[in-house]
Amino acid sequence: MTPRPGRVARLFDVPLGRPRAVATRADPVFGPLALAIHETLTGR
């Protein structure tokens, strides 16, 4: 979300199966995706 007015800043496609287990963190897709989401949310 963006600051006021709140709008969707970016959509992410999450190509990880469901249900997700702790082992999902070992998937090579997880790290870069988590980093991109974190950077979008924090603005860093």
C-alpha atoms as a PDB file:
ATOM      1  CA  MET A   1       0.000   0.000   0.000  1.00  0.00           C
ATOM      2  CA  THR A   2       1.063   3.554  -0.596  1.00  0.00           C
ATOM      3  CA  PRO A   3       0.831   6.332   1.963  1.00  0.00           C
ATOM      4  CA  ARG A   4      -2.307   8.448   1.943  1.00  0.00           C
ATOM      5  CA  PRO A   5      -4.343   7.919  -0.063  1.00  0.00           C
ATOM      6  CA  GLY A   6      -3.819   4.202   0.340  1.00  0.00           C
ATOM      7  CA  ARG A   7      -3.454   2.488  -3.014  1.00  0.00           C
ATOM      8  CA  VAL A   8      -2.013  -0.816  -4.079  1.00  0.00           C
ATOM      9  CA  ALA A   9       1.667  -0.135  -4.793  1.00  0.00           C
ATOM     10  CA  ARG A  10       2.492  -3.401  -6.520  1.00  0.00           C
ATOM     11  CA  LEU A  11       1.057  -6.859  -7.125  1.00  0.00           C
ATOM     12  CA  PHE A  12       3.216  -9.930  -6.637  1.00  0.00           C
ATOM     13  CA  ASP A  13       2.753 -13.297  -8.306  1.00  0.00           C
ATOM     14  CA  VAL A  14       3.618 -15.948  -5.716  1.00  0.00           C
ATOM     15  CA  PRO A  15       4.470 -19.158  -7.594  1.00  0.00           C
ATOM     16  CA  LEU A  16       4.722 -21.266  -4.441  1.00  0.00           C
ATOM     17  CA  GLY A  17       2.352 -24.150  -3.829  1.00  0.00           C
ATOM     18  CA  ARG A  18      -0.231 -24.326  -1.092  1.00  0.00           C
ATOM     19  CA  PRO A  19      -0.393 -25.233   1.662  1.00  0.00           C
ATOM     20  CA  ARG A  20       2.959 -23.671   2.441  1.00  0.00           C
ATOM     21  CA  ALA A  21       5.191 -25.192   5.065  1.00  0.00           C
ATOM     22  CA  VAL A  22       8.286 -23.870   6.807  1.00  0.00           C
ATOM     23  CA  ALA A  23      10.307 -25.758   4.178  1.00  0.00           C
ATOM     24  CA  THR A  24       8.999 -23.275   1.590  1.00  0.00           C
ATOM     25  CA  ARG A  25      11.678 -20.878   2.835  1.00  0.00           C
ATOM     26  CA  ALA A  26      14.297 -23.169   1.262  1.00  0.00           C
ATOM     27  CA  ASP A  27      12.748 -22.724  -2.197  1.00  0.00           C
ATOM     28  CA  PRO A  28      15.039 -20.587  -4.404  1.00  0.00           C
ATOM     29  CA  VAL A  29      12.054 -18.393  -5.354  1.00  0.00           C
ATOM     30  CA  PHE A  30      11.278 -17.480  -1.745  1.00  0.00           C
ATOM     31  CA  GLY A  31      14.286 -15.283  -0.881  1.00  0.00           C
ATOM     32  CA  PRO A  32      14.143 -12.837  -3.801  1.00  0.00           C
ATOM     33  CA  LEU A  33      10.357 -12.642  -3.566  1.00  0.00           C
ATOM     34  CA  ALA A  34      10.422 -11.938   0.179  1.00  0.00           C
ATOM     35  CA  LEU A  35      13.094  -9.281  -0.372  1.00  0.00           C
ATOM     36  CA  ALA A  36      11.090  -7.579  -3.128  1.00  0.00           C
ATOM     37  CA  ILE A  37       7.966  -7.527  -0.941  1.00  0.00           C
ATOM     38  CA  HIS A  38       9.925  -6.162   2.013  1.00  0.00           C
ATOM     39  CA  GLU A  39      11.519  -3.422  -0.108  1.00  0.00           C
ATOM     40  CA  THR A  40       8.138  -2.438  -1.514  1.00  0.00           C
ATOM     41  CA  LEU A  41       6.589  -2.195   1.946  1.00  0.00           C
ATOM     42  CA  THR A  42       9.474  -0.303   3.552  1.00  0.00           C
ATOM     43  CA  GLY A  43      10.446   1.857   0.559  1.00  0.00           C
ATOM     44  CA  ARG A  44      14.072   0.723   0.715  1.00  0.00           C
END
